[in-house]
Amino acid sequence: MQDLLRRFLSFDRPIGPALVRIVYFVGAAAIVLGAGLGLINALTAFFGGNFGAGIVFLLATPAVCAVAFVWWRFLCELFMLAFMAYDRLIEIRDRLPDYSKF
């Protein structure tokens, strides 16, 4: 965490990749919480006597959770691509010869 604060204050490197990781884990926790609520909803439907809705919730919750995880990972990787491209461009710039001396 101290490294993140140092990056935040220095402007030498972008802090985006670290923030994207934090946002990813917060979103993953929200997806797991939503899955837990979906399973509780399925149990509530079962105990309420609505067996059809309970079965649908019980089958749909893991499927929706899996799709949500894949989608969330994809979105976070899209943001990471911008920062990875920036790092790659810095590497290319550093390998180019310095033409200002000519």
PDB file of N, CA and C in Angstrom:
ATOM      1  N   MET A   1       0.819  -1.187   0.000  1.00  0.00           N
ATOM      2  CA  MET A   1       0.000   0.000   0.000  1.00  0.00           C
ATOM      3  C   MET A   1       0.868   1.259   0.000  1.00  0.00           C
ATOM      4  N   GLN A   2       2.033   1.161   0.635  1.00  0.00           N
ATOM      5  CA  GLN A   2       2.940   2.306   0.664  1.00  0.00           C
ATOM      6  C   GLN A   2       3.470   2.596  -0.744  1.00  0.00           C
ATOM      7  N   ASP A   3       3.677   1.526  -1.534  1.00  0.00           N
ATOM      8  CA  ASP A   3       4.125   1.709  -2.911  1.00  0.00           C
ATOM      9  C   ASP A   3       3.065   2.450  -3.724  1.00  0.00           C
ATOM     10  N   LEU A   4       1.816   2.149  -3.489  1.00  0.00           N
ATOM     11  CA  LEU A   4       0.720   2.832  -4.184  1.00  0.00           C
ATOM     12  C   LEU A   4       0.708   4.317  -3.836  1.00  0.00           C
ATOM     13  N   LEU A   5       0.932   4.640  -2.574  1.00  0.00           N
ATOM     14  CA  LEU A   5       0.972   6.041  -2.162  1.00  0.00           C
ATOM     15  C   LEU A   5       2.168   6.758  -2.783  1.00  0.00           C
ATOM     16  N   ARG A   6       3.301   6.105  -2.835  1.00  0.00           N
ATOM     17  CA  ARG A   6       4.490   6.696  -3.455  1.00  0.00           C
ATOM     18  C   ARG A   6       4.245   6.933  -4.947  1.00  0.00           C
ATOM     19  N   ARG A   7       3.621   5.983  -5.625  1.00  0.00           N
ATOM     20  CA  ARG A   7       3.285   6.165  -7.038  1.00  0.00           C
ATOM     21  C   ARG A   7       2.304   7.311  -7.228  1.00  0.00           C
ATOM     22  N   PHE A   8       1.354   7.429  -6.293  1.00  0.00           N
ATOM     23  CA  PHE A   8       0.344   8.475  -6.400  1.00  0.00           C
ATOM     24  C   PHE A   8       0.970   9.864  -6.289  1.00  0.00           C
ATOM     25  N   LEU A   9       1.977   9.990  -5.468  1.00  0.00           N
ATOM     26  CA  LEU A   9       2.590  11.297  -5.250  1.00  0.00           C
ATOM     27  C   LEU A   9       3.705  11.627  -6.231  1.00  0.00           C
ATOM     28  N   SER A  10       4.260  10.641  -6.940  1.00  0.00           N
ATOM     29  CA  SER A  10       5.445  10.898  -7.755  1.00  0.00           C
ATOM     30  C   SER A  10       5.148  11.222  -9.218  1.00  0.00           C
ATOM     31  N   PHE A  11       4.089  10.716  -9.811  1.00  0.00           N
ATOM     32  CA  PHE A  11       3.755  10.897 -11.219  1.00  0.00           C
ATOM     33  C   PHE A  11       4.800  10.290 -12.157  1.00  0.00           C
ATOM     34  N   ASP A  12       5.675   9.404 -11.671  1.00  0.00           N
ATOM     35  CA  ASP A  12       6.646   8.740 -12.538  1.00  0.00           C
ATOM     36  C   ASP A  12       5.996   7.629 -13.340  1.00  0.00           C
ATOM     37  N   ARG A  13       5.113   6.914 -12.711  1.00  0.00           N
ATOM     38  CA  ARG A  13       4.409   5.820 -13.365  1.00  0.00           C
ATOM     39  C   ARG A  13       2.923   5.948 -13.064  1.00  0.00           C
ATOM     40  N   PRO A  14       2.085   5.473 -13.976  1.00  0.00           N
ATOM     41  CA  PRO A  14       0.646   5.560 -13.712  1.00  0.00           C
ATOM     42  C   PRO A  14       0.225   4.603 -12.595  1.00  0.00           C
ATOM     43  N   ILE A  15      -0.748   5.021 -11.813  1.00  0.00           N
ATOM     44  CA  ILE A  15      -1.246   4.167 -10.732  1.00  0.00           C
ATOM     45  C   ILE A  15      -2.455   3.358 -11.191  1.00  0.00           C
ATOM     46  N   GLY A  16      -2.826   3.522 -12.438  1.00  0.00           N
ATOM     47  CA  GLY A  16      -4.004   2.849 -12.970  1.00  0.00           C
ATOM     48  C   GLY A  16      -4.018   1.343 -12.798  1.00  0.00           C
ATOM     49  N   PRO A  17      -2.915   0.628 -13.113  1.00  0.00           N
ATOM     50  CA  PRO A  17      -2.961  -0.830 -12.955  1.00  0.00           C
ATOM     51  C   PRO A  17      -3.273  -1.276 -11.530  1.00  0.00           C
ATOM     52  N   ALA A  18      -2.721  -0.589 -10.554  1.00  0.00           N
ATOM     53  CA  ALA A  18      -3.016  -0.961  -9.167  1.00  0.00           C
ATOM     54  C   ALA A  18      -4.473  -0.661  -8.826  1.00  0.00           C
ATOM     55  N   LEU A  19      -4.977   0.452  -9.321  1.00  0.00           N
ATOM     56  CA  LEU A  19      -6.374   0.786  -9.057  1.00  0.00           C
ATOM     57  C   LEU A  19      -7.323  -0.166  -9.765  1.00  0.00           C
ATOM     58  N   VAL A  20      -6.964  -0.595 -10.966  1.00  0.00           N
ATOM     59  CA  VAL A  20      -7.811  -1.555 -11.690  1.00  0.00           C
ATOM     60  C   VAL A  20      -7.881  -2.866 -10.921  1.00  0.00           C
ATOM     61  N   ARG A  21      -6.773  -3.286 -10.328  1.00  0.00           N
ATOM     62  CA  ARG A  21      -6.792  -4.523  -9.531  1.00  0.00           C
ATOM     63  C   ARG A  21      -7.705  -4.375  -8.316  1.00  0.00           C
ATOM     64  N   ILE A  22      -7.624  -3.236  -7.657  1.00  0.00           N
ATOM     65  CA  ILE A  22      -8.485  -3.009  -6.492  1.00  0.00           C
ATOM     66  C   ILE A  22      -9.953  -3.011  -6.911  1.00  0.00           C
ATOM     67  N   VAL A  23     -10.260  -2.324  -7.989  1.00  0.00           N
ATOM     68  CA  VAL A  23     -11.646  -2.271  -8.484  1.00  0.00           C
ATOM     69  C   VAL A  23     -12.114  -3.665  -8.897  1.00  0.00           C
ATOM     70  N   TYR A  24     -11.201  -4.463  -9.476  1.00  0.00           N
ATOM     71  CA  TYR A  24     -11.564  -5.823  -9.872  1.00  0.00           C
ATOM     72  C   TYR A  24     -11.981  -6.653  -8.658  1.00  0.00           C
ATOM     73  N   PHE A  25     -11.204  -6.583  -7.592  1.00  0.00           N
ATOM     74  CA  PHE A  25     -11.529  -7.391  -6.422  1.00  0.00           C
ATOM     75  C   PHE A  25     -12.794  -6.894  -5.716  1.00  0.00           C
ATOM     76  N   VAL A  26     -13.028  -5.591  -5.721  1.00  0.00           N
ATOM     77  CA  VAL A  26     -14.268  -5.072  -5.149  1.00  0.00           C
ATOM     78  C   VAL A  26     -15.468  -5.556  -5.980  1.00  0.00           C
ATOM     79  N   GLY A  27     -15.337  -5.520  -7.296  1.00  0.00           N
ATOM     80  CA  GLY A  27     -16.407  -6.015  -8.160  1.00  0.00           C
ATOM     81  C   GLY A  27     -16.627  -7.513  -8.011  1.00  0.00           C
ATOM     82  N   ALA A  28     -15.536  -8.269  -7.855  1.00  0.00           N
ATOM     83  CA  ALA A  28     -15.669  -9.713  -7.657  1.00  0.00           C
ATOM     84  C   ALA A  28     -16.390 -10.006  -6.345  1.00  0.00           C
ATOM     85  N   ALA A  29     -16.094  -9.226  -5.315  1.00  0.00           N
ATOM     86  CA  ALA A  29     -16.797  -9.406  -4.042  1.00  0.00           C
ATOM     87  C   ALA A  29     -18.280  -9.078  -4.198  1.00  0.00           C
ATOM     88  N   ALA A  30     -18.599  -8.066  -4.986  1.00  0.00           N
ATOM     89  CA  ALA A  30     -20.007  -7.723  -5.227  1.00  0.00           C
ATOM     90  C   ALA A  30     -20.718  -8.837  -5.993  1.00  0.00           C
ATOM     91  N   ILE A  31     -20.017  -9.473  -6.933  1.00  0.00           N
ATOM     92  CA  ILE A  31     -20.614 -10.585  -7.678  1.00  0.00           C
ATOM     93  C   ILE A  31     -20.885 -11.764  -6.751  1.00  0.00           C
ATOM     94  N   VAL A  32     -19.949 -12.059  -5.870  1.00  0.00           N
ATOM     95  CA  VAL A  32     -20.141 -13.155  -4.909  1.00  0.00           C
ATOM     96  C   VAL A  32     -21.290 -12.826  -3.962  1.00  0.00           C
ATOM     97  N   LEU A  33     -21.369 -11.577  -3.524  1.00  0.00           N
ATOM     98  CA  LEU A  33     -22.481 -11.173  -2.661  1.00  0.00           C
ATOM     99  C   LEU A  33     -23.818 -11.311  -3.392  1.00  0.00           C
ATOM    100  N   GLY A  34     -23.846 -10.922  -4.648  1.00  0.00           N
ATOM    101  CA  GLY A  34     -25.061 -11.074  -5.441  1.00  0.00           C
ATOM    102  C   GLY A  34     -25.445 -12.535  -5.617  1.00  0.00           C
ATOM    103  N   ALA A  35     -24.449 -13.397  -5.782  1.00  0.00           N
ATOM    104  CA  ALA A  35     -24.735 -14.827  -5.906  1.00  0.00           C
ATOM    105  C   ALA A  35     -25.308 -15.370  -4.599  1.00  0.00           C
ATOM    106  N   GLY A  36     -24.750 -14.923  -3.490  1.00  0.00           N
ATOM    107  CA  GLY A  36     -25.281 -15.347  -2.195  1.00  0.00           C
ATOM    108  C   GLY A  36     -26.727 -14.903  -2.003  1.00  0.00           C
ATOM    109  N   LEU A  37     -27.012 -13.662  -2.412  1.00  0.00           N
ATOM    110  CA  LEU A  37     -28.386 -13.177  -2.314  1.00  0.00           C
ATOM    111  C   LEU A  37     -29.322 -13.943  -3.246  1.00  0.00           C
ATOM    112  N   GLY A  38     -28.824 -14.337  -4.414  1.00  0.00           N
ATOM    113  CA  GLY A  38     -29.632 -15.137  -5.329  1.00  0.00           C
ATOM    114  C   GLY A  38     -29.966 -16.501  -4.749  1.00  0.00           C
ATOM    115  N   LEU A  39     -28.980 -17.107  -4.076  1.00  0.00           N
ATOM    116  CA  LEU A  39     -29.238 -18.405  -3.445  1.00  0.00           C
ATOM    117  C   LEU A  39     -30.211 -18.271  -2.274  1.00  0.00           C
ATOM    118  N   ILE A  40     -30.086 -17.180  -1.526  1.00  0.00           N
ATOM    119  CA  ILE A  40     -31.051 -16.941  -0.442  1.00  0.00           C
ATOM    120  C   ILE A  40     -32.450 -16.729  -1.019  1.00  0.00           C
ATOM    121  N   ASN A  41     -32.526 -16.052  -2.139  1.00  0.00           N
ATOM    122  CA  ASN A  41     -33.809 -15.847  -2.809  1.00  0.00           C
ATOM    123  C   ASN A  41     -34.400 -17.187  -3.259  1.00  0.00           C
ATOM    124  N   ALA A  42     -33.537 -18.085  -3.735  1.00  0.00           N
ATOM    125  CA  ALA A  42     -34.017 -19.414  -4.134  1.00  0.00           C
ATOM    126  C   ALA A  42     -34.563 -20.177  -2.932  1.00  0.00           C
ATOM    127  N   LEU A  43     -33.866 -20.113  -1.816  1.00  0.00           N
ATOM    128  CA  LEU A  43     -34.357 -20.796  -0.617  1.00  0.00           C
ATOM    129  C   LEU A  43     -35.665 -20.181  -0.128  1.00  0.00           C
ATOM    130  N   THR A  44     -35.768 -18.871  -0.214  1.00  0.00           N
ATOM    131  CA  THR A  44     -37.007 -18.203   0.179  1.00  0.00           C
ATOM    132  C   THR A  44     -38.170 -18.652  -0.705  1.00  0.00           C
ATOM    133  N   ALA A  45     -37.920 -18.795  -1.994  1.00  0.00           N
ATOM    134  CA  ALA A  45     -38.975 -19.259  -2.901  1.00  0.00           C
ATOM    135  C   ALA A  45     -39.376 -20.696  -2.572  1.00  0.00           C
ATOM    136  N   PHE A  46     -38.378 -21.550  -2.261  1.00  0.00           N
ATOM    137  CA  PHE A  46     -38.698 -22.935  -1.891  1.00  0.00           C
ATOM    138  C   PHE A  46     -39.571 -22.986  -0.636  1.00  0.00           C
ATOM    139  N   PHE A  47     -39.142 -22.252   0.385  1.00  0.00           N
ATOM    140  CA  PHE A  47     -39.890 -22.287   1.647  1.00  0.00           C
ATOM    141  C   PHE A  47     -41.231 -21.571   1.543  1.00  0.00           C
ATOM    142  N   GLY A  48     -41.353 -20.692   0.570  1.00  0.00           N
ATOM    143  CA  GLY A  48     -42.628 -20.011   0.350  1.00  0.00           C
ATOM    144  C   GLY A  48     -43.607 -20.841  -0.454  1.00  0.00           C
ATOM    145  N   GLY A  49     -43.171 -21.989  -0.930  1.00  0.00           N
ATOM    146  CA  GLY A  49     -44.060 -22.875  -1.666  1.00  0.00           C
ATOM    147  C   GLY A  49     -43.976 -22.729  -3.176  1.00  0.00           C
ATOM    148  N   ASN A  50     -43.159 -21.825  -3.668  1.00  0.00           N
ATOM    149  CA  ASN A  50     -43.022 -21.628  -5.111  1.00  0.00           C
ATOM    150  C   ASN A  50     -41.801 -22.421  -5.598  1.00  0.00           C
ATOM    151  N   PHE A  51     -42.015 -23.725  -5.845  1.00  0.00           N
ATOM    152  CA  PHE A  51     -40.900 -24.600  -6.185  1.00  0.00           C
ATOM    153  C   PHE A  51     -40.330 -24.314  -7.568  1.00  0.00           C
ATOM    154  N   GLY A  52     -41.160 -23.894  -8.490  1.00  0.00           N
ATOM    155  CA  GLY A  52     -40.689 -23.582  -9.845  1.00  0.00           C
ATOM    156  C   GLY A  52     -39.707 -22.413  -9.837  1.00  0.00           C
ATOM    157  N   ALA A  53     -40.074 -21.353  -9.136  1.00  0.00           N
ATOM    158  CA  ALA A  53     -39.182 -20.190  -9.056  1.00  0.00           C
ATOM    159  C   ALA A  53     -37.920 -20.536  -8.288  1.00  0.00           C
ATOM    160  N   GLY A  54     -38.046 -21.363  -7.266  1.00  0.00           N
ATOM    161  CA  GLY A  54     -36.873 -21.775  -6.491  1.00  0.00           C
ATOM    162  C   GLY A  54     -35.874 -22.538  -7.346  1.00  0.00           C
ATOM    163  N   ILE A  55     -36.371 -23.436  -8.183  1.00  0.00           N
ATOM    164  CA  ILE A  55     -35.489 -24.204  -9.063  1.00  0.00           C
ATOM    165  C   ILE A  55     -34.849 -23.290 -10.100  1.00  0.00           C
ATOM    166  N   VAL A  56     -35.626 -22.360 -10.642  1.00  0.00           N
ATOM    167  CA  VAL A  56     -35.080 -21.429 -11.631  1.00  0.00           C
ATOM    168  C   VAL A  56     -33.985 -20.576 -11.008  1.00  0.00           C
ATOM    169  N   PHE A  57     -34.241 -20.039  -9.811  1.00  0.00           N
ATOM    170  CA  PHE A  57     -33.221 -19.240  -9.131  1.00  0.00           C
ATOM    171  C   PHE A  57     -31.995 -20.082  -8.806  1.00  0.00           C
ATOM    172  N   LEU A  58     -32.220 -21.309  -8.398  1.00  0.00           N
ATOM    173  CA  LEU A  58     -31.110 -22.187  -8.034  1.00  0.00           C
ATOM    174  C   LEU A  58     -30.241 -22.532  -9.244  1.00  0.00           C
ATOM    175  N   LEU A  59     -30.843 -22.665 -10.417  1.00  0.00           N
ATOM    176  CA  LEU A  59     -30.079 -22.960 -11.628  1.00  0.00           C
ATOM    177  C   LEU A  59     -29.483 -21.706 -12.265  1.00  0.00           C
ATOM    178  N   ALA A  60     -30.215 -20.598 -12.192  1.00  0.00           N
ATOM    179  CA  ALA A  60     -29.770 -19.382 -12.867  1.00  0.00           C
ATOM    180  C   ALA A  60     -28.670 -18.652 -12.109  1.00  0.00           C
ATOM    181  N   THR A  61     -28.666 -18.722 -10.793  1.00  0.00           N
ATOM    182  CA  THR A  61     -27.690 -17.961 -10.011  1.00  0.00           C
ATOM    183  C   THR A  61     -26.249 -18.332 -10.338  1.00  0.00           C
ATOM    184  N   PRO A  62     -25.864 -19.615 -10.358  1.00  0.00           N
ATOM    185  CA  PRO A  62     -24.469 -19.921 -10.717  1.00  0.00           C
ATOM    186  C   PRO A  62     -24.123 -19.550 -12.158  1.00  0.00           C
ATOM    187  N   ALA A  63     -25.083 -19.710 -13.072  1.00  0.00           N
ATOM    188  CA  ALA A  63     -24.822 -19.371 -14.470  1.00  0.00           C
ATOM    189  C   ALA A  63     -24.611 -17.870 -14.640  1.00  0.00           C
ATOM    190  N   VAL A  64     -25.465 -17.080 -14.027  1.00  0.00           N
ATOM    191  CA  VAL A  64     -25.330 -15.626 -14.120  1.00  0.00           C
ATOM    192  C   VAL A  64     -24.050 -15.175 -13.431  1.00  0.00           C
ATOM    193  N   CYS A  65     -23.724 -15.791 -12.317  1.00  0.00           N
ATOM    194  CA  CYS A  65     -22.500 -15.458 -11.594  1.00  0.00           C
ATOM    195  C   CYS A  65     -21.262 -15.753 -12.454  1.00  0.00           C
ATOM    196  N   ALA A  66     -21.250 -16.880 -13.141  1.00  0.00           N
ATOM    197  CA  ALA A  66     -20.113 -17.224 -13.999  1.00  0.00           C
ATOM    198  C   ALA A  66     -19.973 -16.233 -15.152  1.00  0.00           C
ATOM    199  N   VAL A  67     -21.085 -15.879 -15.780  1.00  0.00           N
ATOM    200  CA  VAL A  67     -21.045 -14.902 -16.872  1.00  0.00           C
ATOM    201  C   VAL A  67     -20.605 -13.540 -16.350  1.00  0.00           C
ATOM    202  N   ALA A  68     -21.067 -13.170 -15.176  1.00  0.00           N
ATOM    203  CA  ALA A  68     -20.683 -11.879 -14.596  1.00  0.00           C
ATOM    204  C   ALA A  68     -19.189 -11.835 -14.300  1.00  0.00           C
ATOM    205  N   PHE A  69     -18.624 -12.934 -13.795  1.00  0.00           N
ATOM    206  CA  PHE A  69     -17.185 -12.980 -13.536  1.00  0.00           C
ATOM    207  C   PHE A  69     -16.383 -12.815 -14.824  1.00  0.00           C
ATOM    208  N   VAL A  70     -16.785 -13.521 -15.865  1.00  0.00           N
ATOM    209  CA  VAL A  70     -16.067 -13.418 -17.143  1.00  0.00           C
ATOM    210  C   VAL A  70     -16.183 -12.008 -17.702  1.00  0.00           C
ATOM    211  N   TRP A  71     -17.362 -11.417 -17.662  1.00  0.00           N
ATOM    212  CA  TRP A  71     -17.570 -10.061 -18.184  1.00  0.00           C
ATOM    213  C   TRP A  71     -16.772  -9.039 -17.376  1.00  0.00           C
ATOM    214  N   TRP A  72     -16.784  -9.174 -16.053  1.00  0.00           N
ATOM    215  CA  TRP A  72     -16.059  -8.238 -15.206  1.00  0.00           C
ATOM    216  C   TRP A  72     -14.554  -8.326 -15.461  1.00  0.00           C
ATOM    217  N   ARG A  73     -14.058  -9.540 -15.610  1.00  0.00           N
ATOM    218  CA  ARG A  73     -12.630  -9.710 -15.904  1.00  0.00           C
ATOM    219  C   ARG A  73     -12.295  -9.079 -17.255  1.00  0.00           C
ATOM    220  N   PHE A  74     -13.143  -9.267 -18.239  1.00  0.00           N
ATOM    221  CA  PHE A  74     -12.926  -8.696 -19.571  1.00  0.00           C
ATOM    222  C   PHE A  74     -12.866  -7.179 -19.502  1.00  0.00           C
ATOM    223  N   LEU A  75     -13.802  -6.555 -18.788  1.00  0.00           N
ATOM    224  CA  LEU A  75     -13.808  -5.098 -18.679  1.00  0.00           C
ATOM    225  C   LEU A  75     -12.549  -4.580 -17.989  1.00  0.00           C
ATOM    226  N   CYS A  76     -12.137  -5.244 -16.933  1.00  0.00           N
ATOM    227  CA  CYS A  76     -10.929  -4.811 -16.228  1.00  0.00           C
ATOM    228  C   CYS A  76      -9.689  -5.000 -17.102  1.00  0.00           C
ATOM    229  N   GLU A  77      -9.643  -6.055 -17.896  1.00  0.00           N
ATOM    230  CA  GLU A  77      -8.502  -6.258 -18.794  1.00  0.00           C
ATOM    231  C   GLU A  77      -8.466  -5.196 -19.886  1.00  0.00           C
ATOM    232  N   LEU A  78      -9.616  -4.712 -20.326  1.00  0.00           N
ATOM    233  CA  LEU A  78      -9.622  -3.626 -21.310  1.00  0.00           C
ATOM    234  C   LEU A  78      -8.945  -2.381 -20.744  1.00  0.00           C
ATOM    235  N   PHE A  79      -9.230  -2.066 -19.508  1.00  0.00           N
ATOM    236  CA  PHE A  79      -8.562  -0.930 -18.887  1.00  0.00           C
ATOM    237  C   PHE A  79      -7.069  -1.189 -18.726  1.00  0.00           C
ATOM    238  N   MET A  80      -6.707  -2.422 -18.393  1.00  0.00           N
ATOM    239  CA  MET A  80      -5.291  -2.754 -18.218  1.00  0.00           C
ATOM    240  C   MET A  80      -4.528  -2.647 -19.542  1.00  0.00           C
ATOM    241  N   LEU A  81      -5.191  -2.911 -20.660  1.00  0.00           N
ATOM    242  CA  LEU A  81      -4.517  -2.823 -21.959  1.00  0.00           C
ATOM    243  C   LEU A  81      -3.985  -1.426 -22.235  1.00  0.00           C
ATOM    244  N   ALA A  82      -4.714  -0.423 -21.832  1.00  0.00           N
ATOM    245  CA  ALA A  82      -4.247   0.953 -22.042  1.00  0.00           C
ATOM    246  C   ALA A  82      -2.954   1.200 -21.282  1.00  0.00           C
ATOM    247  N   PHE A  83      -2.872   0.736 -20.059  1.00  0.00           N
ATOM    248  CA  PHE A  83      -1.669   0.941 -19.268  1.00  0.00           C
ATOM    249  C   PHE A  83      -0.514   0.075 -19.762  1.00  0.00           C
ATOM    250  N   MET A  84      -0.822  -1.114 -20.237  1.00  0.00           N
ATOM    251  CA  MET A  84       0.226  -1.974 -20.787  1.00  0.00           C
ATOM    252  C   MET A  84       0.778  -1.377 -22.074  1.00  0.00           C
ATOM    253  N   ALA A  85      -0.073  -0.770 -22.885  1.00  0.00           N
ATOM    254  CA  ALA A  85       0.397  -0.113 -24.106  1.00  0.00           C
ATOM    255  C   ALA A  85       1.298   1.061 -23.756  1.00  0.00           C
ATOM    256  N   TYR A  86       0.965   1.798 -22.721  1.00  0.00           N
ATOM    257  CA  TYR A  86       1.798   2.915 -22.279  1.00  0.00           C
ATOM    258  C   TYR A  86       3.184   2.409 -21.859  1.00  0.00           C
ATOM    259  N   ASP A  87       3.225   1.328 -21.092  1.00  0.00           N
ATOM    260  CA  ASP A  87       4.509   0.763 -20.673  1.00  0.00           C
ATOM    261  C   ASP A  87       5.322   0.292 -21.874  1.00  0.00           C
ATOM    262  N   ARG A  88       4.665  -0.319 -22.836  1.00  0.00           N
ATOM    263  CA  ARG A  88       5.359  -0.806 -24.026  1.00  0.00           C
ATOM    264  C   ARG A  88       5.917   0.359 -24.848  1.00  0.00           C
ATOM    265  N   LEU A  89       5.166   1.443 -24.958  1.00  0.00           N
ATOM    266  CA  LEU A  89       5.645   2.615 -25.687  1.00  0.00           C
ATOM    267  C   LEU A  89       6.865   3.244 -25.002  1.00  0.00           C
ATOM    268  N   ILE A  90       6.895   3.210 -23.698  1.00  0.00           N
ATOM    269  CA  ILE A  90       8.074   3.715 -22.980  1.00  0.00           C
ATOM    270  C   ILE A  90       9.284   2.847 -23.287  1.00  0.00           C
ATOM    271  N   GLU A  91       9.101   1.526 -23.321  1.00  0.00           N
ATOM    272  CA  GLU A  91      10.208   0.625 -23.664  1.00  0.00           C
ATOM    273  C   GLU A  91      10.716   0.907 -25.076  1.00  0.00           C
ATOM    274  N   ILE A  92       9.816   1.119 -26.010  1.00  0.00           N
ATOM    275  CA  ILE A  92      10.216   1.399 -27.391  1.00  0.00           C
ATOM    276  C   ILE A  92      10.971   2.718 -27.457  1.00  0.00           C
ATOM    277  N   ARG A  93      10.471   3.739 -26.761  1.00  0.00           N
ATOM    278  CA  ARG A  93      11.150   5.035 -26.750  1.00  0.00           C
ATOM    279  C   ARG A  93      12.562   4.929 -26.186  1.00  0.00           C
ATOM    280  N   ASP A  94      12.722   4.129 -25.144  1.00  0.00           N
ATOM    281  CA  ASP A  94      14.037   3.988 -24.523  1.00  0.00           C
ATOM    282  C   ASP A  94      15.020   3.229 -25.408  1.00  0.00           C
ATOM    283  N   ARG A  95      14.530   2.372 -26.288  1.00  0.00           N
ATOM    284  CA  ARG A  95      15.413   1.606 -27.174  1.00  0.00           C
ATOM    285  C   ARG A  95      15.792   2.362 -28.442  1.00  0.00           C
ATOM    286  N   LEU A  96      15.050   3.394 -28.781  1.00  0.00           N
ATOM    287  CA  LEU A  96      15.361   4.166 -29.982  1.00  0.00           C
ATOM    288  C   LEU A  96      16.626   4.995 -29.757  1.00  0.00           C
ATOM    289  N   PRO A  97      17.408   5.165 -30.834  1.00  0.00           N
ATOM    290  CA  PRO A  97      18.590   6.019 -30.675  1.00  0.00           C
ATOM    291  C   PRO A  97      18.198   7.474 -30.494  1.00  0.00           C
ATOM    292  N   ASP A  98      19.056   8.222 -29.846  1.00  0.00           N
ATOM    293  CA  ASP A  98      18.797   9.619 -29.599  1.00  0.00           C
ATOM    294  C   ASP A  98      19.244  10.443 -30.826  1.00  0.00           C
ATOM    295  N   TYR A  99      18.276  10.890 -31.614  1.00  0.00           N
ATOM    296  CA  TYR A  99      18.586  11.617 -32.836  1.00  0.00           C
ATOM    297  C   TYR A  99      18.797  13.122 -32.581  1.00  0.00           C
ATOM    298  N   SER A 100      18.600  13.552 -31.372  1.00  0.00           N
ATOM    299  CA  SER A 100      18.765  14.979 -31.091  1.00  0.00           C
ATOM    300  C   SER A 100      20.242  15.383 -31.089  1.00  0.00           C
ATOM    301  N   LYS A 101      21.133  14.411 -31.045  1.00  0.00           N
ATOM    302  CA  LYS A 101      22.566  14.720 -31.044  1.00  0.00           C
ATOM    303  C   LYS A 101      23.100  15.009 -32.441  1.00  0.00           C
ATOM    304  N   PHE A 102      22.336  14.690 -33.465  1.00  0.00           N
ATOM    305  CA  PHE A 102      22.839  14.874 -34.835  1.00  0.00           C
ATOM    306  C   PHE A 102      22.579  16.229 -35.365  1.00  0.00           C
TER     307      PHE A 102
END
